[in-house]
Amino acid sequence: MHEVLKNLLNQNCSIVPIEKPEHRLKDKQGIKGWQQYKTQAPTKDKVESWLREGYTEFGLIMGYGGFQVIDIDTKNHPQPDSDGFYRKIWLDIPEDLKSKLTVQRTRSKGNHLIYKCNVPATHQNLMVNPETRKPIIETIGCGNYILFHPNPGYSVVSGSLSNIQEITKEEHEWLIDHCRKVGEIEANTYPVTVLDAAIINQEPKQYSVERFLSSNDSISEIADYLETNGLDITSNYHDWTKVAYAIANEFREAGRVAFHKIR
């Protein structure tokens, strides 16, 4: 892990340690205060101190340094035991673009297409399972993170984390559109929903915390709506804490599931 972290830091990325299993309240939970690394990368000395403290799992922040990912989560597909859907996406990507992508297999048997691009990292659900409301293909927004190899269950299947390459804005947009088009074909066979291209390409909406807290809808309805539509009401740490305390004060333990859906 030490060598991978060193190589990533040399590529102007930001990383955060994942809380130790015995202290986690949810899967892939970052350590207390991890949000500061959304906009400021940790120093090498800080990373060394995390390793000495026994942290063994880490997340890679999206958006910082231009890092981007397309997350293909096949476990949310109506036929989750098949790799065929991912192969349909990968097959028609031009060879020169494939050579620029770092692809890792996730522990849930999905795939991350990782690259750098000089465009804002936005969270967009490109294709969802309408029954479960969970994304099958999504992009990960700025300030959120993904786990990476050699975290347990992750493996690199193409390219290298030591040399994540940059693609053009046009290539980035082509990838997004390509995933959506494969999803449209998939919708002829399976019950899946593909977001309209106009929604995918628009600037992400920022919904105020005040609007969220004053809504008359149930907490689960609001959380489901935000998650399904990729809407962000916690783009900064101040808003994130306001939402957290509001849900905790009003709903106590019953609000935990809803809070984990909110970005």
Protein backbone atom coordinates (compact mmCIF):
# COMPACT_ATOMS: atom_id res chain seq x y z
CA MET A 1 0.00 0.00 0.00
CA HIS A 2 2.85 2.40 0.85
CA GLU A 3 4.21 2.38 -2.72
CA VAL A 4 0.76 2.87 -4.28
CA LEU A 5 0.03 5.84 -2.01
CA LYS A 6 3.40 7.35 -2.81
CA ASN A 7 2.78 7.04 -6.56
CA LEU A 8 -0.70 8.53 -6.27
CA LEU A 9 0.53 11.53 -4.29
CA ASN A 10 3.15 12.13 -6.97
CA GLN A 11 0.26 12.51 -9.44
CA ASN A 12 -1.26 15.44 -7.51
CA CYS A 13 -4.14 13.50 -6.01
CA SER A 14 -5.76 13.60 -2.58
CA ILE A 15 -6.36 10.49 -0.49
CA VAL A 16 -8.09 9.73 2.80
CA PRO A 17 -7.82 6.77 5.18
CA ILE A 18 -10.86 4.59 5.71
CA GLU A 19 -11.88 4.12 9.33
CA LYS A 20 -10.72 0.89 10.94
CA PRO A 21 -13.37 -1.86 10.84
CA GLU A 22 -13.99 -1.81 14.59
CA HIS A 23 -14.79 1.93 14.49
CA ARG A 24 -16.96 2.12 11.36
CA LEU A 25 -20.60 3.10 11.44
CA LYS A 26 -20.96 2.30 7.75
CA ASP A 27 -19.03 0.65 4.93
CA LYS A 28 -16.14 2.62 3.43
CA GLN A 29 -16.42 5.32 6.10
CA GLY A 30 -13.60 7.87 6.08
CA ILE A 31 -11.87 8.88 9.30
CA LYS A 32 -13.20 11.79 11.34
CA GLY A 33 -12.33 15.06 9.61
CA TRP A 34 -11.63 13.48 6.20
CA GLN A 35 -13.62 16.23 4.45
CA GLN A 36 -10.68 18.64 4.72
CA TYR A 37 -8.89 16.55 2.12
CA LYS A 38 -11.54 17.31 -0.49
CA THR A 39 -9.67 20.54 -1.25
CA GLN A 40 -6.22 19.99 0.27
CA ALA A 41 -4.11 16.90 -0.29
CA PRO A 42 -2.42 15.36 2.73
CA THR A 43 1.33 15.70 3.01
CA LYS A 44 3.55 12.67 2.62
CA ASP A 45 4.39 12.96 6.32
CA LYS A 46 0.68 12.81 7.15
CA VAL A 47 0.24 9.70 5.04
CA GLU A 48 3.23 8.13 6.78
CA SER A 49 1.61 8.87 10.15
CA TRP A 50 -1.65 7.20 9.02
CA LEU A 51 0.27 4.09 8.04
CA ARG A 52 2.08 4.03 11.38
CA GLU A 53 -1.29 4.33 13.14
CA GLY A 54 -2.40 1.14 11.42
CA TYR A 55 -4.73 2.41 8.70
CA THR A 56 -4.72 -0.10 5.86
CA GLU A 57 -7.52 1.08 3.56
CA PHE A 58 -7.64 4.36 1.66
CA GLY A 59 -9.92 6.31 -0.66
CA LEU A 60 -9.03 8.42 -3.69
CA ILE A 61 -10.80 11.81 -3.80
CA MET A 62 -12.55 12.60 -7.08
CA GLY A 63 -12.19 16.04 -8.65
CA TYR A 64 -8.96 16.94 -6.89
CA GLY A 65 -6.13 16.99 -9.43
CA GLY A 66 -8.62 16.27 -12.22
CA PHE A 67 -9.31 12.68 -11.13
CA GLN A 68 -12.54 11.22 -12.49
CA VAL A 69 -14.28 7.85 -12.43
CA ILE A 70 -17.17 6.12 -14.15
CA ASP A 71 -18.53 3.52 -11.75
CA ILE A 72 -20.18 0.51 -13.40
CA ASP A 73 -21.93 -1.26 -10.56
CA THR A 74 -23.16 -4.53 -12.00
CA LYS A 75 -24.54 -5.72 -8.65
CA ASN A 76 -27.38 -3.23 -9.15
CA HIS A 77 -28.22 -4.59 -12.61
CA PRO A 78 -31.42 -6.67 -12.85
CA GLN A 79 -29.09 -9.53 -13.84
CA PRO A 80 -26.21 -8.84 -11.43
CA ASP A 81 -24.37 -12.14 -11.89
CA SER A 82 -23.42 -11.37 -15.48
CA ASP A 83 -20.27 -9.57 -16.68
CA GLY A 84 -21.81 -9.21 -20.12
CA PHE A 85 -23.06 -5.69 -19.49
CA TYR A 86 -19.60 -4.35 -18.66
CA ARG A 87 -18.13 -6.13 -21.69
CA LYS A 88 -20.67 -4.36 -23.92
CA ILE A 89 -19.39 -1.02 -22.65
CA TRP A 90 -15.70 -1.93 -22.90
CA LEU A 91 -15.87 -3.60 -26.31
CA ASP A 92 -16.73 -0.48 -28.32
CA ILE A 93 -14.37 1.96 -26.62
CA PRO A 94 -11.70 2.96 -29.19
CA GLU A 95 -8.34 1.31 -28.58
CA ASP A 96 -6.49 4.60 -28.19
CA LEU A 97 -8.95 5.66 -25.49
CA LYS A 98 -8.79 2.27 -23.77
CA SER A 99 -5.04 2.71 -23.48
CA LYS A 100 -5.59 5.90 -21.44
CA LEU A 101 -7.98 4.35 -18.93
CA THR A 102 -7.08 2.67 -15.67
CA VAL A 103 -9.69 0.00 -14.97
CA GLN A 104 -10.08 -1.67 -11.63
CA ARG A 105 -12.35 -4.47 -10.52
CA THR A 106 -14.23 -3.65 -7.34
CA ARG A 107 -14.99 -5.98 -4.47
CA SER A 108 -18.66 -6.04 -5.53
CA LYS A 109 -17.56 -7.30 -8.99
CA GLY A 110 -18.17 -3.94 -10.63
CA ASN A 111 -15.65 -1.84 -12.54
CA HIS A 112 -14.15 1.64 -12.20
CA LEU A 113 -12.97 3.49 -15.31
CA ILE A 114 -10.43 5.92 -13.82
CA TYR A 115 -8.76 8.82 -15.61
CA LYS A 116 -7.92 12.50 -15.32
CA CYS A 117 -9.70 15.27 -17.19
CA ASN A 118 -9.73 19.05 -16.95
CA VAL A 119 -13.50 19.31 -16.37
CA PRO A 120 -15.42 19.48 -13.07
CA ALA A 121 -16.11 16.09 -11.52
CA THR A 122 -19.89 15.85 -11.15
CA HIS A 123 -22.13 13.15 -9.76
CA GLN A 124 -24.54 11.89 -12.38
CA ASN A 125 -26.64 8.74 -12.41
CA LEU A 126 -26.45 7.62 -16.04
CA MET A 127 -28.44 4.43 -15.65
CA VAL A 128 -30.44 3.19 -12.68
CA ASN A 129 -32.43 0.18 -11.59
CA PRO A 130 -35.93 1.69 -11.16
CA GLU A 131 -37.02 -1.04 -8.77
CA THR A 132 -34.21 -0.53 -6.26
CA ARG A 133 -33.43 3.08 -7.31
CA LYS A 134 -29.75 2.22 -7.21
CA PRO A 135 -27.32 3.35 -9.92
CA ILE A 136 -25.92 0.85 -12.39
CA ILE A 137 -23.69 3.45 -14.05
CA GLU A 138 -22.73 6.68 -12.34
CA THR A 139 -20.01 9.27 -12.25
CA ILE A 140 -18.64 10.22 -8.84
CA GLY A 141 -18.82 13.88 -7.89
CA CYS A 142 -16.11 16.20 -6.68
CA GLY A 143 -15.13 15.59 -3.06
CA ASN A 144 -16.36 12.00 -2.90
CA TYR A 145 -13.94 9.09 -2.99
CA ILE A 146 -13.49 5.58 -4.30
CA LEU A 147 -11.48 2.74 -2.79
CA PHE A 148 -8.67 1.35 -4.89
CA HIS A 149 -6.21 -1.53 -5.23
CA PRO A 150 -4.62 -2.88 -3.04
CA ASN A 151 -7.61 -2.30 -0.75
CA PRO A 152 -9.13 -5.75 -0.08
CA GLY A 153 -11.24 -6.98 -2.98
CA TYR A 154 -9.90 -4.49 -5.56
CA SER A 155 -7.64 -5.31 -8.49
CA VAL A 156 -6.34 -3.40 -11.51
CA VAL A 157 -7.29 -5.13 -14.78
CA SER A 158 -6.10 -2.52 -17.27
CA GLY A 159 -3.70 0.41 -17.09
CA SER A 160 -1.96 1.41 -13.87
CA LEU A 161 -2.68 3.42 -10.73
CA SER A 162 0.95 4.53 -10.89
CA ASN A 163 0.29 6.42 -14.12
CA ILE A 164 -3.32 7.55 -14.39
CA GLN A 165 -3.55 9.34 -17.72
CA GLU A 166 -5.41 12.46 -18.77
CA ILE A 167 -8.05 12.42 -21.49
CA THR A 168 -9.61 15.33 -23.36
CA LYS A 169 -12.97 16.90 -22.60
CA GLU A 170 -14.26 15.41 -25.85
CA GLU A 171 -13.12 11.92 -24.85
CA HIS A 172 -14.70 12.34 -21.42
CA GLU A 173 -18.01 13.39 -22.97
CA TRP A 174 -17.81 10.53 -25.46
CA LEU A 175 -17.41 8.01 -22.63
CA ILE A 176 -20.45 9.40 -20.80
CA ASP A 177 -22.55 9.33 -23.97
CA HIS A 178 -21.31 5.85 -24.86
CA CYS A 179 -22.36 4.48 -21.46
CA ARG A 180 -25.77 6.06 -21.87
CA LYS A 181 -26.21 4.56 -25.35
CA VAL A 182 -25.26 1.09 -24.14
CA GLY A 183 -27.80 1.59 -21.37
CA GLU A 184 -30.49 2.45 -23.92
CA ILE A 185 -29.82 -0.81 -25.73
CA GLU A 186 -29.89 -2.65 -22.40
CA ALA A 187 -33.31 -1.11 -21.68
CA ASN A 188 -34.75 -3.10 -24.59
CA THR A 189 -34.16 -6.28 -22.61
CA TYR A 190 -34.07 -5.35 -18.94
CA PRO A 191 -36.10 -2.97 -16.73
CA VAL A 192 -33.55 -0.17 -16.42
CA THR A 193 -33.84 3.61 -16.67
CA VAL A 194 -31.40 5.76 -18.63
CA LEU A 195 -31.21 9.47 -17.87
CA ASP A 196 -31.77 11.85 -20.76
CA ALA A 197 -28.59 13.25 -22.29
CA ALA A 198 -29.76 16.81 -21.59
CA ILE A 199 -29.84 15.98 -17.87
CA ILE A 200 -26.47 14.27 -17.97
CA ASN A 201 -24.74 17.19 -19.66
CA GLN A 202 -26.22 20.00 -17.60
CA GLU A 203 -24.42 21.58 -14.65
CA PRO A 204 -25.21 19.72 -11.42
CA LYS A 205 -27.92 21.31 -9.30
CA GLN A 206 -27.05 22.50 -5.84
CA TYR A 207 -30.00 22.35 -3.46
CA SER A 208 -29.85 24.47 -0.34
CA VAL A 209 -29.77 22.94 3.10
CA GLU A 210 -32.59 25.29 4.12
CA ARG A 211 -34.86 23.95 1.36
CA PHE A 212 -34.06 20.41 2.46
CA LEU A 213 -34.78 21.07 6.13
CA SER A 214 -38.06 22.92 5.46
CA SER A 215 -39.53 20.26 3.15
CA ASN A 216 -42.76 18.54 4.17
CA ASP A 217 -41.78 15.30 2.43
CA SER A 218 -40.68 12.34 4.53
CA ILE A 219 -36.97 11.95 5.16
CA SER A 220 -36.84 8.69 3.19
CA GLU A 221 -38.60 10.27 0.19
CA ILE A 222 -36.19 13.20 0.18
CA ALA A 223 -33.13 10.97 0.51
CA ASP A 224 -34.33 8.66 -2.27
CA TYR A 225 -35.01 11.63 -4.55
CA LEU A 226 -31.58 13.16 -3.93
CA GLU A 227 -29.81 9.84 -4.47
CA THR A 228 -31.72 8.89 -7.63
CA ASN A 229 -31.21 12.28 -9.28
CA GLY A 230 -27.62 12.82 -8.16
CA LEU A 231 -28.45 16.07 -6.38
CA ASP A 232 -25.96 17.55 -3.94
CA ILE A 233 -26.93 19.42 -0.75
CA THR A 234 -23.67 18.74 1.10
CA SER A 235 -21.08 20.22 -1.23
CA ASN A 236 -19.15 21.71 1.69
CA TYR A 237 -18.35 20.54 5.20
CA HIS A 238 -20.53 23.20 6.87
CA ASP A 239 -23.65 22.04 5.02
CA TRP A 240 -22.75 18.40 5.58
CA THR A 241 -22.66 18.88 9.34
CA LYS A 242 -25.90 20.92 9.37
CA VAL A 243 -27.73 18.11 7.59
CA ALA A 244 -26.15 15.47 9.84
CA TYR A 245 -27.15 17.19 13.06
CA ALA A 246 -30.64 18.02 11.80
CA ILE A 247 -31.36 14.39 10.90
CA ALA A 248 -29.83 13.11 14.13
CA ASN A 249 -31.83 15.54 16.28
CA GLU A 250 -35.14 14.84 14.56
CA PHE A 251 -34.97 11.15 13.70
CA ARG A 252 -32.24 9.70 15.92
CA GLU A 253 -31.25 6.17 14.85
CA ALA A 254 -34.18 5.98 12.39
CA GLY A 255 -32.49 8.61 10.21
CA ARG A 256 -29.24 6.71 9.73
CA VAL A 257 -30.18 4.98 6.45
CA ALA A 258 -31.47 8.20 4.91
CA PHE A 259 -28.37 10.15 5.92
CA HIS A 260 -26.06 7.61 4.29
CA LYS A 261 -27.84 8.19 0.97
CA ILE A 262 -27.26 11.94 1.07
CA ARG A 263 -24.13 13.31 -0.55
